[in-house]
PDB file of N, CA and C in Angstrom:
ATOM      1  N   ALA A   1     -16.871  15.168  25.170  1.00  0.00           N
ATOM      2  CA  ALA A   1     -18.114  15.561  24.521  1.00  0.00           C
ATOM      3  C   ALA A   1     -18.805  14.314  24.017  1.00  0.00           C
ATOM      4  N   VAL A   2     -20.088  14.302  24.132  1.00  0.00           N
ATOM      5  CA  VAL A   2     -20.926  13.230  23.616  1.00  0.00           C
ATOM      6  C   VAL A   2     -21.458  13.681  22.272  1.00  0.00           C
ATOM      7  N   VAL A   3     -21.452  12.800  21.310  1.00  0.00           N
ATOM      8  CA  VAL A   3     -21.943  13.135  19.979  1.00  0.00           C
ATOM      9  C   VAL A   3     -23.287  12.465  19.799  1.00  0.00           C
ATOM     10  N   SER A   4     -24.257  13.199  19.314  1.00  0.00           N
ATOM     11  CA  SER A   4     -25.558  12.637  19.026  1.00  0.00           C
ATOM     12  C   SER A   4     -26.084  13.278  17.756  1.00  0.00           C
ATOM     13  N   THR A   5     -27.183  12.756  17.262  1.00  0.00           N
ATOM     14  CA  THR A   5     -27.826  13.373  16.109  1.00  0.00           C
ATOM     15  C   THR A   5     -29.172  13.891  16.540  1.00  0.00           C
ATOM     16  N   GLN A   6     -29.604  14.917  15.877  1.00  0.00           N
ATOM     17  CA  GLN A   6     -30.878  15.517  16.213  1.00  0.00           C
ATOM     18  C   GLN A   6     -31.670  15.600  14.925  1.00  0.00           C
ATOM     19  N   SER A   7     -32.804  14.955  14.895  1.00  0.00           N
ATOM     20  CA  SER A   7     -33.627  15.032  13.694  1.00  0.00           C
ATOM     21  C   SER A   7     -34.985  15.599  14.087  1.00  0.00           C
ATOM     22  N   GLY A   8     -35.460  16.427  13.236  1.00  0.00           N
ATOM     23  CA  GLY A   8     -36.776  17.025  13.473  1.00  0.00           C
ATOM     24  C   GLY A   8     -37.860  16.095  12.990  1.00  0.00           C
ATOM     25  N   HIS A   9     -38.906  16.661  12.538  1.00  0.00           N
ATOM     26  CA  HIS A   9     -40.049  15.881  12.064  1.00  0.00           C
ATOM     27  C   HIS A   9     -39.884  15.433  10.625  1.00  0.00           C
ATOM     28  N   TYR A  10     -38.783  15.786  10.002  1.00  0.00           N
ATOM     29  CA  TYR A  10     -38.641  15.552   8.577  1.00  0.00           C
ATOM     30  C   TYR A  10     -37.799  14.327   8.227  1.00  0.00           C
ATOM     31  N   GLY A  11     -37.338  13.551   9.194  1.00  0.00           N
ATOM     32  CA  GLY A  11     -36.624  12.310   8.924  1.00  0.00           C
ATOM     33  C   GLY A  11     -35.123  12.482   8.750  1.00  0.00           C
ATOM     34  N   ARG A  12     -34.514  11.574   8.020  1.00  0.00           N
ATOM     35  CA  ARG A  12     -33.063  11.479   7.915  1.00  0.00           C
ATOM     36  C   ARG A  12     -32.416  12.668   7.215  1.00  0.00           C
ATOM     37  N   GLU A  13     -33.097  13.286   6.276  1.00  0.00           N
ATOM     38  CA  GLU A  13     -32.475  14.347   5.489  1.00  0.00           C
ATOM     39  C   GLU A  13     -32.048  15.527   6.347  1.00  0.00           C
ATOM     40  N   ASN A  14     -32.720  15.768   7.443  1.00  0.00           N
ATOM     41  CA  ASN A  14     -32.450  16.946   8.258  1.00  0.00           C
ATOM     42  C   ASN A  14     -31.707  16.631   9.549  1.00  0.00           C
ATOM     43  N   LYS A  15     -31.057  15.502   9.634  1.00  0.00           N
ATOM     44  CA  LYS A  15     -30.301  15.163  10.845  1.00  0.00           C
ATOM     45  C   LYS A  15     -29.126  16.101  11.000  1.00  0.00           C
ATOM     46  N   LYS A  16     -28.848  16.485  12.230  1.00  0.00           N
ATOM     47  CA  LYS A  16     -27.723  17.356  12.529  1.00  0.00           C
ATOM     48  C   LYS A  16     -26.872  16.688  13.594  1.00  0.00           C
ATOM     49  N   LEU A  17     -25.568  16.756  13.424  1.00  0.00           N
ATOM     50  CA  LEU A  17     -24.642  16.200  14.393  1.00  0.00           C
ATOM     51  C   LEU A  17     -24.467  17.213  15.517  1.00  0.00           C
ATOM     52  N   MET A  18     -24.646  16.761  16.753  1.00  0.00           N
ATOM     53  CA  MET A  18     -24.597  17.659  17.904  1.00  0.00           C
ATOM     54  C   MET A  18     -23.554  17.170  18.902  1.00  0.00           C
ATOM     55  N   TYR A  19     -22.848  18.117  19.535  1.00  0.00           N
ATOM     56  CA  TYR A  19     -21.924  17.831  20.637  1.00  0.00           C
ATOM     57  C   TYR A  19     -22.629  18.196  21.936  1.00  0.00           C
ATOM     58  N   HIS A  20     -22.585  17.280  22.916  1.00  0.00           N
ATOM     59  CA  HIS A  20     -23.190  17.510  24.235  1.00  0.00           C
ATOM     60  C   HIS A  20     -22.092  17.409  25.289  1.00  0.00           C
ATOM     61  N   CYS A  21     -21.909  18.454  26.092  1.00  0.00           N
ATOM     62  CA  CYS A  21     -20.919  18.437  27.166  1.00  0.00           C
ATOM     63  C   CYS A  21     -21.413  17.513  28.277  1.00  0.00           C
ATOM     64  N   GLN A  22     -20.512  16.672  28.809  1.00  0.00           N
ATOM     65  CA  GLN A  22     -20.882  15.761  29.889  1.00  0.00           C
ATOM     66  C   GLN A  22     -20.846  16.438  31.251  1.00  0.00           C
ATOM     67  N   ASN A  23     -20.275  17.647  31.326  1.00  0.00           N
ATOM     68  CA  ASN A  23     -20.172  18.344  32.614  1.00  0.00           C
ATOM     69  C   ASN A  23     -21.236  19.427  32.817  1.00  0.00           C
ATOM     70  N   CYS A  24     -21.753  19.944  31.725  1.00  0.00           N
ATOM     71  CA  CYS A  24     -22.773  20.991  31.845  1.00  0.00           C
ATOM     72  C   CYS A  24     -23.855  20.732  30.795  1.00  0.00           C
ATOM     73  N   GLU A  25     -24.727  21.647  30.610  1.00  0.00           N
ATOM     74  CA  GLU A  25     -25.852  21.478  29.693  1.00  0.00           C
ATOM     75  C   GLU A  25     -25.551  22.001  28.281  1.00  0.00           C
ATOM     76  N   HIS A  26     -24.280  22.359  28.023  1.00  0.00           N
ATOM     77  CA  HIS A  26     -23.946  22.968  26.742  1.00  0.00           C
ATOM     78  C   HIS A  26     -24.145  21.980  25.597  1.00  0.00           C
ATOM     79  N   VAL A  27     -24.828  22.440  24.552  1.00  0.00           N
ATOM     80  CA  VAL A  27     -25.054  21.660  23.339  1.00  0.00           C
ATOM     81  C   VAL A  27     -24.640  22.539  22.164  1.00  0.00           C
ATOM     82  N   GLN A  28     -23.899  21.944  21.244  1.00  0.00           N
ATOM     83  CA  GLN A  28     -23.413  22.714  20.101  1.00  0.00           C
ATOM     84  C   GLN A  28     -23.526  21.862  18.849  1.00  0.00           C
ATOM     85  N   GLN A  29     -23.958  22.484  17.761  1.00  0.00           N
ATOM     86  CA  GLN A  29     -24.040  21.775  16.493  1.00  0.00           C
ATOM     87  C   GLN A  29     -22.632  21.645  15.899  1.00  0.00           C
ATOM     88  N   ALA A  30     -22.319  20.470  15.368  1.00  0.00           N
ATOM     89  CA  ALA A  30     -21.009  20.224  14.762  1.00  0.00           C
ATOM     90  C   ALA A  30     -20.890  20.966  13.441  1.00  0.00           C
ATOM     91  N   ASP A  31     -19.672  21.402  13.137  1.00  0.00           N
ATOM     92  CA  ASP A  31     -19.430  22.115  11.877  1.00  0.00           C
ATOM     93  C   ASP A  31     -19.523  21.183  10.667  1.00  0.00           C
ATOM     94  N   ASN A  32     -19.189  19.910  10.876  1.00  0.00           N
ATOM     95  CA  ASN A  32     -19.125  18.949   9.786  1.00  0.00           C
ATOM     96  C   ASN A  32     -19.812  17.677  10.249  1.00  0.00           C
ATOM     97  N   ASN A  33     -20.581  17.028   9.390  1.00  0.00           N
ATOM     98  CA  ASN A  33     -21.286  15.799   9.760  1.00  0.00           C
ATOM     99  C   ASN A  33     -20.407  14.557   9.698  1.00  0.00           C
ATOM    100  N   CYS A  34     -19.164  14.709   9.318  1.00  0.00           N
ATOM    101  CA  CYS A  34     -18.237  13.581   9.263  1.00  0.00           C
ATOM    102  C   CYS A  34     -17.726  13.306  10.676  1.00  0.00           C
ATOM    103  N   ILE A  35     -17.956  12.082  11.168  1.00  0.00           N
ATOM    104  CA  ILE A  35     -17.514  11.761  12.526  1.00  0.00           C
ATOM    105  C   ILE A  35     -16.266  10.887  12.546  1.00  0.00           C
ATOM    106  N   TYR A  36     -15.914  10.291  11.396  1.00  0.00           N
ATOM    107  CA  TYR A  36     -14.731   9.439  11.361  1.00  0.00           C
ATOM    108  C   TYR A  36     -14.208   9.392   9.932  1.00  0.00           C
ATOM    109  N   VAL A  37     -12.897   9.516   9.778  1.00  0.00           N
ATOM    110  CA  VAL A  37     -12.248   9.401   8.485  1.00  0.00           C
ATOM    111  C   VAL A  37     -11.218   8.288   8.577  1.00  0.00           C
ATOM    112  N   ASN A  38     -11.308   7.346   7.685  1.00  0.00           N
ATOM    113  CA  ASN A  38     -10.360   6.239   7.630  1.00  0.00           C
ATOM    114  C   ASN A  38      -9.508   6.423   6.395  1.00  0.00           C
ATOM    115  N   LYS A  39      -8.293   6.923   6.571  1.00  0.00           N
ATOM    116  CA  LYS A  39      -7.385   7.129   5.446  1.00  0.00           C
ATOM    117  C   LYS A  39      -6.582   5.860   5.250  1.00  0.00           C
ATOM    118  N   ILE A  40      -6.721   5.291   4.091  1.00  0.00           N
ATOM    119  CA  ILE A  40      -6.032   4.044   3.784  1.00  0.00           C
ATOM    120  C   ILE A  40      -4.860   4.360   2.877  1.00  0.00           C
ATOM    121  N   THR A  41      -3.689   3.974   3.329  1.00  0.00           N
ATOM    122  CA  THR A  41      -2.516   4.068   2.470  1.00  0.00           C
ATOM    123  C   THR A  41      -2.097   2.645   2.169  1.00  0.00           C
ATOM    124  N   HIS A  42      -2.005   2.353   0.914  1.00  0.00           N
ATOM    125  CA  HIS A  42      -1.714   0.990   0.492  1.00  0.00           C
ATOM    126  C   HIS A  42      -0.386   0.978  -0.253  1.00  0.00           C
ATOM    127  N   GLU A  43       0.589   0.341   0.335  1.00  0.00           N
ATOM    128  CA  GLU A  43       1.880   0.211  -0.328  1.00  0.00           C
ATOM    129  C   GLU A  43       1.956  -1.177  -0.944  1.00  0.00           C
ATOM    130  N   ILE A  44       2.295  -1.183  -2.185  1.00  0.00           N
ATOM    131  CA  ILE A  44       2.385  -2.449  -2.907  1.00  0.00           C
ATOM    132  C   ILE A  44       3.815  -2.961  -2.825  1.00  0.00           C
ATOM    133  N   ASP A  45       3.947  -4.197  -2.420  1.00  0.00           N
ATOM    134  CA  ASP A  45       5.264  -4.817  -2.434  1.00  0.00           C
ATOM    135  C   ASP A  45       5.519  -5.288  -3.864  1.00  0.00           C
ATOM    136  N   GLU A  46       6.284  -4.490  -4.580  1.00  0.00           N
ATOM    137  CA  GLU A  46       6.508  -4.754  -5.997  1.00  0.00           C
ATOM    138  C   GLU A  46       7.167  -6.108  -6.240  1.00  0.00           C
ATOM    139  N   LEU A  47       7.993  -6.541  -5.312  1.00  0.00           N
ATOM    140  CA  LEU A  47       8.687  -7.813  -5.495  1.00  0.00           C
ATOM    141  C   LEU A  47       7.724  -8.992  -5.469  1.00  0.00           C
ATOM    142  N   GLN A  48       6.624  -8.867  -4.735  1.00  0.00           N
ATOM    143  CA  GLN A  48       5.644  -9.954  -4.676  1.00  0.00           C
ATOM    144  C   GLN A  48       4.931 -10.135  -6.008  1.00  0.00           C
ATOM    145  N   ASN A  49       4.880  -9.074  -6.815  1.00  0.00           N
ATOM    146  CA  ASN A  49       4.172  -9.141  -8.092  1.00  0.00           C
ATOM    147  C   ASN A  49       5.008  -9.747  -9.216  1.00  0.00           C
ATOM    148  N   ILE A  50       6.283 -10.003  -8.960  1.00  0.00           N
ATOM    149  CA  ILE A  50       7.141 -10.600  -9.987  1.00  0.00           C
ATOM    150  C   ILE A  50       6.919 -12.108  -9.995  1.00  0.00           C
ATOM    151  N   VAL A  51       6.589 -12.624 -11.137  1.00  0.00           N
ATOM    152  CA  VAL A  51       6.350 -14.058 -11.284  1.00  0.00           C
ATOM    153  C   VAL A  51       7.700 -14.764 -11.356  1.00  0.00           C
ATOM    154  N   GLY A  52       7.837 -15.839 -10.597  1.00  0.00           N
ATOM    155  CA  GLY A  52       9.107 -16.573 -10.539  1.00  0.00           C
ATOM    156  C   GLY A  52       9.497 -17.232 -11.840  1.00  0.00           C
ATOM    157  N   ASP A  53       8.543 -17.408 -12.751  1.00  0.00           N
ATOM    158  CA  ASP A  53       8.823 -18.051 -14.033  1.00  0.00           C
ATOM    159  C   ASP A  53       9.681 -17.191 -14.954  1.00  0.00           C
ATOM    160  N   VAL A  54       9.988 -15.969 -14.564  1.00  0.00           N
ATOM    161  CA  VAL A  54      10.819 -15.115 -15.425  1.00  0.00           C
ATOM    162  C   VAL A  54      12.204 -15.715 -15.634  1.00  0.00           C
ATOM    163  N   ILE A  55      12.630 -16.609 -14.749  1.00  0.00           N
ATOM    164  CA  ILE A  55      13.963 -17.207 -14.905  1.00  0.00           C
ATOM    165  C   ILE A  55      14.035 -18.117 -16.132  1.00  0.00           C
ATOM    166  N   THR A  56      12.889 -18.558 -16.638  1.00  0.00           N
ATOM    167  CA  THR A  56      12.874 -19.410 -17.840  1.00  0.00           C
ATOM    168  C   THR A  56      12.694 -18.605 -19.119  1.00  0.00           C
ATOM    169  N   ASP A  57      12.522 -17.299 -19.010  1.00  0.00           N
ATOM    170  CA  ASP A  57      12.330 -16.445 -20.180  1.00  0.00           C
ATOM    171  C   ASP A  57      13.678 -16.239 -20.882  1.00  0.00           C
ATOM    172  N   PRO A  58      13.844 -16.763 -22.089  1.00  0.00           N
ATOM    173  CA  PRO A  58      15.139 -16.656 -22.778  1.00  0.00           C
ATOM    174  C   PRO A  58      15.441 -15.241 -23.282  1.00  0.00           C
ATOM    175  N   THR A  59      14.446 -14.384 -23.304  1.00  0.00           N
ATOM    176  CA  THR A  59      14.671 -13.029 -23.810  1.00  0.00           C
ATOM    177  C   THR A  59      15.207 -12.078 -22.739  1.00  0.00           C
ATOM    178  N   LEU A  60      15.147 -12.474 -21.474  1.00  0.00           N
ATOM    179  CA  LEU A  60      15.642 -11.605 -20.408  1.00  0.00           C
ATOM    180  C   LEU A  60      17.144 -11.782 -20.216  1.00  0.00           C
ATOM    181  N   PRO A  61      17.853 -10.694 -19.957  1.00  0.00           N
ATOM    182  CA  PRO A  61      19.301 -10.800 -19.742  1.00  0.00           C
ATOM    183  C   PRO A  61      19.626 -11.454 -18.408  1.00  0.00           C
ATOM    184  N   ARG A  62      20.804 -12.036 -18.337  1.00  0.00           N
ATOM    185  CA  ARG A  62      21.279 -12.686 -17.119  1.00  0.00           C
ATOM    186  C   ARG A  62      22.580 -12.020 -16.688  1.00  0.00           C
ATOM    187  N   THR A  63      22.820 -12.083 -15.397  1.00  0.00           N
ATOM    188  CA  THR A  63      24.052 -11.500 -14.873  1.00  0.00           C
ATOM    189  C   THR A  63      24.654 -12.421 -13.827  1.00  0.00           C
ATOM    190  N   GLN A  64      25.990 -12.375 -13.735  1.00  0.00           N
ATOM    191  CA  GLN A  64      26.699 -13.078 -12.670  1.00  0.00           C
ATOM    192  C   GLN A  64      27.363 -12.070 -11.733  1.00  0.00           C
ATOM    193  N   ASP A  65      27.095 -10.803 -11.956  1.00  0.00           N
ATOM    194  CA  ASP A  65      27.711  -9.733 -11.156  1.00  0.00           C
ATOM    195  C   ASP A  65      26.919  -9.377  -9.904  1.00  0.00           C
ATOM    196  N   HIS A  66      25.727  -9.930  -9.771  1.00  0.00           N
ATOM    197  CA  HIS A  66      24.878  -9.622  -8.611  1.00  0.00           C
ATOM    198  C   HIS A  66      24.412 -10.925  -7.971  1.00  0.00           C
ATOM    199  N   PRO A  67      25.217 -11.513  -7.087  1.00  0.00           N
ATOM    200  CA  PRO A  67      24.828 -12.783  -6.470  1.00  0.00           C
ATOM    201  C   PRO A  67      23.581 -12.634  -5.594  1.00  0.00           C
ATOM    202  N   CYS A  68      22.853 -13.705  -5.485  1.00  0.00           N
ATOM    203  CA  CYS A  68      21.628 -13.720  -4.683  1.00  0.00           C
ATOM    204  C   CYS A  68      21.965 -13.490  -3.211  1.00  0.00           C
ATOM    205  N   PRO A  69      21.282 -12.544  -2.556  1.00  0.00           N
ATOM    206  CA  PRO A  69      21.555 -12.298  -1.136  1.00  0.00           C
ATOM    207  C   PRO A  69      21.085 -13.437  -0.227  1.00  0.00           C
ATOM    208  N   ARG A  70      20.236 -14.322  -0.742  1.00  0.00           N
ATOM    209  CA  ARG A  70      19.728 -15.420   0.082  1.00  0.00           C
ATOM    210  C   ARG A  70      20.582 -16.675  -0.034  1.00  0.00           C
ATOM    211  N   CYS A  71      20.857 -17.111  -1.278  1.00  0.00           N
ATOM    212  CA  CYS A  71      21.556 -18.403  -1.445  1.00  0.00           C
ATOM    213  C   CYS A  71      22.954 -18.251  -2.043  1.00  0.00           C
ATOM    214  N   SER A  72      23.361 -17.064  -2.412  1.00  0.00           N
ATOM    215  CA  SER A  72      24.671 -16.752  -2.987  1.00  0.00           C
ATOM    216  C   SER A  72      24.872 -17.297  -4.395  1.00  0.00           C
ATOM    217  N   GLN A  73      23.826 -17.782  -5.026  1.00  0.00           N
ATOM    218  CA  GLN A  73      23.892 -18.208  -6.432  1.00  0.00           C
ATOM    219  C   GLN A  73      24.334 -17.009  -7.261  1.00  0.00           C
ATOM    220  N   CYS A  74      25.234 -17.215  -8.191  1.00  0.00           N
ATOM    221  CA  CYS A  74      25.775 -16.091  -8.966  1.00  0.00           C
ATOM    222  C   CYS A  74      24.891 -15.681 -10.140  1.00  0.00           C
ATOM    223  N   LEU A  75      24.124 -16.604 -10.695  1.00  0.00           N
ATOM    224  CA  LEU A  75      23.338 -16.304 -11.888  1.00  0.00           C
ATOM    225  C   LEU A  75      21.963 -15.756 -11.510  1.00  0.00           C
ATOM    226  N   ALA A  76      21.616 -14.620 -12.104  1.00  0.00           N
ATOM    227  CA  ALA A  76      20.314 -14.006 -11.847  1.00  0.00           C
ATOM    228  C   ALA A  76      19.783 -13.381 -13.130  1.00  0.00           C
ATOM    229  N   VAL A  77      18.486 -13.429 -13.288  1.00  0.00           N
ATOM    230  CA  VAL A  77      17.804 -12.730 -14.374  1.00  0.00           C
ATOM    231  C   VAL A  77      17.525 -11.326 -13.869  1.00  0.00           C
ATOM    232  N   PHE A  78      17.624 -10.338 -14.768  1.00  0.00           N
ATOM    233  CA  PHE A  78      17.293  -8.984 -14.330  1.00  0.00           C
ATOM    234  C   PHE A  78      16.516  -8.256 -15.419  1.00  0.00           C
ATOM    235  N   PHE A  79      15.742  -7.276 -14.986  1.00  0.00           N
ATOM    236  CA  PHE A  79      14.980  -6.444 -15.916  1.00  0.00           C
ATOM    237  C   PHE A  79      14.721  -5.103 -15.251  1.00  0.00           C
ATOM    238  N   GLN A  80      14.401  -4.143 -16.077  1.00  0.00           N
ATOM    239  CA  GLN A  80      14.137  -2.800 -15.584  1.00  0.00           C
ATOM    240  C   GLN A  80      12.652  -2.529 -15.734  1.00  0.00           C
ATOM    241  N   ALA A  81      12.061  -1.913 -14.689  1.00  0.00           N
ATOM    242  CA  ALA A  81      10.639  -1.585 -14.736  1.00  0.00           C
ATOM    243  C   ALA A  81      10.390  -0.295 -13.981  1.00  0.00           C
ATOM    244  N   GLN A  82       9.288   0.334 -14.302  1.00  0.00           N
ATOM    245  CA  GLN A  82       8.889   1.562 -13.622  1.00  0.00           C
ATOM    246  C   GLN A  82       8.447   1.208 -12.209  1.00  0.00           C
ATOM    247  N   SER A  83       8.993   1.900 -11.224  1.00  0.00           N
ATOM    248  CA  SER A  83       8.606   1.692  -9.834  1.00  0.00           C
ATOM    249  C   SER A  83       7.260   2.349  -9.596  1.00  0.00           C
ATOM    250  N   SER A  84       6.440   1.750  -8.741  1.00  0.00           N
ATOM    251  CA  SER A  84       5.148   2.360  -8.416  1.00  0.00           C
ATOM    252  C   SER A  84       5.322   3.538  -7.469  1.00  0.00           C
ATOM    253  N   VAL A  85       6.490   3.647  -6.854  1.00  0.00           N
ATOM    254  CA  VAL A  85       6.782   4.793  -6.002  1.00  0.00           C
ATOM    255  C   VAL A  85       7.193   5.938  -6.925  1.00  0.00           C
ATOM    256  N   ALA A  86       6.449   7.025  -6.875  1.00  0.00           N
ATOM    257  CA  ALA A  86       6.581   8.098  -7.858  1.00  0.00           C
ATOM    258  C   ALA A  86       7.977   8.689  -7.939  1.00  0.00           C
ATOM    259  N   ASP A  87       8.653   8.845  -6.816  1.00  0.00           N
ATOM    260  CA  ASP A  87       9.941   9.533  -6.834  1.00  0.00           C
ATOM    261  C   ASP A  87      11.119   8.618  -7.154  1.00  0.00           C
ATOM    262  N   GLN A  88      10.895   7.332  -7.395  1.00  0.00           N
ATOM    263  CA  GLN A  88      12.011   6.421  -7.635  1.00  0.00           C
ATOM    264  C   GLN A  88      12.268   6.124  -9.101  1.00  0.00           C
ATOM    265  N   GLY A  89      11.320   6.380  -9.972  1.00  0.00           N
ATOM    266  CA  GLY A  89      11.539   6.168 -11.404  1.00  0.00           C
ATOM    267  C   GLY A  89      11.751   4.709 -11.758  1.00  0.00           C
ATOM    268  N   MET A  90      12.692   4.475 -12.678  1.00  0.00           N
ATOM    269  CA  MET A  90      12.984   3.118 -13.139  1.00  0.00           C
ATOM    270  C   MET A  90      13.902   2.409 -12.149  1.00  0.00           C
ATOM    271  N   ARG A  91      13.654   1.102 -11.958  1.00  0.00           N
ATOM    272  CA  ARG A  91      14.476   0.303 -11.042  1.00  0.00           C
ATOM    273  C   ARG A  91      14.863  -0.997 -11.720  1.00  0.00           C
ATOM    274  N   LEU A  92      15.984  -1.562 -11.282  1.00  0.00           N
ATOM    275  CA  LEU A  92      16.401  -2.882 -11.737  1.00  0.00           C
ATOM    276  C   LEU A  92      15.904  -3.927 -10.741  1.00  0.00           C
ATOM    277  N   TYR A  93      15.293  -4.971 -11.266  1.00  0.00           N
ATOM    278  CA  TYR A  93      14.795  -6.076 -10.447  1.00  0.00           C
ATOM    279  C   TYR A  93      15.570  -7.324 -10.824  1.00  0.00           C
ATOM    280  N   TYR A  94      15.923  -8.114  -9.807  1.00  0.00           N
ATOM    281  CA  TYR A  94      16.694  -9.340 -10.006  1.00  0.00           C
ATOM    282  C   TYR A  94      15.899 -10.526  -9.475  1.00  0.00           C
ATOM    283  N   VAL A  95      16.038 -11.667 -10.168  1.00  0.00           N
ATOM    284  CA  VAL A  95      15.431 -12.919  -9.708  1.00  0.00           C
ATOM    285  C   VAL A  95      16.507 -13.995  -9.783  1.00  0.00           C
ATOM    286  N   CYS A  96      16.711 -14.680  -8.671  1.00  0.00           N
ATOM    287  CA  CYS A  96      17.712 -15.743  -8.590  1.00  0.00           C
ATOM    288  C   CYS A  96      17.328 -16.887  -9.526  1.00  0.00           C
ATOM    289  N   CYS A  97      18.303 -17.394 -10.277  1.00  0.00           N
ATOM    290  CA  CYS A  97      18.041 -18.491 -11.215  1.00  0.00           C
ATOM    291  C   CYS A  97      18.038 -19.868 -10.551  1.00  0.00           C
ATOM    292  N   ASN A  98      18.371 -19.938  -9.273  1.00  0.00           N
ATOM    293  CA  ASN A  98      18.279 -21.194  -8.531  1.00  0.00           C
ATOM    294  C   ASN A  98      16.794 -21.460  -8.281  1.00  0.00           C
ATOM    295  N   GLN A  99      16.261 -22.531  -8.902  1.00  0.00           N
ATOM    296  CA  GLN A  99      14.822 -22.795  -8.822  1.00  0.00           C
ATOM    297  C   GLN A  99      14.347 -23.105  -7.402  1.00  0.00           C
ATOM    298  N   GLN A 100      15.232 -23.616  -6.547  1.00  0.00           N
ATOM    299  CA  GLN A 100      14.841 -23.865  -5.155  1.00  0.00           C
ATOM    300  C   GLN A 100      14.776 -22.553  -4.368  1.00  0.00           C
ATOM    301  N   CYS A 101      15.489 -21.543  -4.798  1.00  0.00           N
ATOM    302  CA  CYS A 101      15.537 -20.261  -4.090  1.00  0.00           C
ATOM    303  C   CYS A 101      14.527 -19.277  -4.685  1.00  0.00           C
ATOM    304  N   ASN A 102      14.717 -18.946  -5.959  1.00  0.00           N
ATOM    305  CA  ASN A 102      13.817 -18.053  -6.693  1.00  0.00           C
ATOM    306  C   ASN A 102      13.619 -16.701  -5.984  1.00  0.00           C
ATOM    307  N   HIS A 103      14.630 -16.265  -5.249  1.00  0.00           N
ATOM    308  CA  HIS A 103      14.557 -15.016  -4.493  1.00  0.00           C
ATOM    309  C   HIS A 103      14.484 -13.813  -5.431  1.00  0.00           C
ATOM    310  N   LYS A 104      13.720 -12.797  -5.048  1.00  0.00           N
ATOM    311  CA  LYS A 104      13.579 -11.581  -5.843  1.00  0.00           C
ATOM    312  C   LYS A 104      14.111 -10.410  -5.032  1.00  0.00           C
ATOM    313  N   TRP A 105      14.891  -9.532  -5.677  1.00  0.00           N
ATOM    314  CA  TRP A 105      15.420  -8.369  -4.962  1.00  0.00           C
ATOM    315  C   TRP A 105      15.664  -7.230  -5.942  1.00  0.00           C
ATOM    316  N   THR A 106      15.929  -6.085  -5.372  1.00  0.00           N
ATOM    317  CA  THR A 106      16.283  -4.911  -6.157  1.00  0.00           C
ATOM    318  C   THR A 106      17.442  -4.207  -5.491  1.00  0.00           C
ATOM    319  N   GLU A 107      18.208  -3.470  -6.242  1.00  0.00           N
ATOM    320  CA  GLU A 107      19.343  -2.747  -5.684  1.00  0.00           C
ATOM    321  C   GLU A 107      19.250  -1.282  -6.039  1.00  0.00           C
TER     322      GLU A 107
END
């Protein structure tokens, strides 16, 4: 089907979206003037939003029970925060204390 608009003598306000068959002369007015919908789903990578300077914050707890998956450093800073994913609730976030690594992860 070919889509076109049909406007009378009254300009843009009265435009109608029309379907034209390419095989016959059939023309039909569209039920809805929307011809394209772009649904955007945006997932935020929560780990990217964590600032690496948290390793210097003396008020945050540290753990040696969760080694860094990247460099195997044993010391990591951790904190709990609300996940932006509605069904996950609160999550623990870890940041490697090795300044050359500074890897961020969650478990």
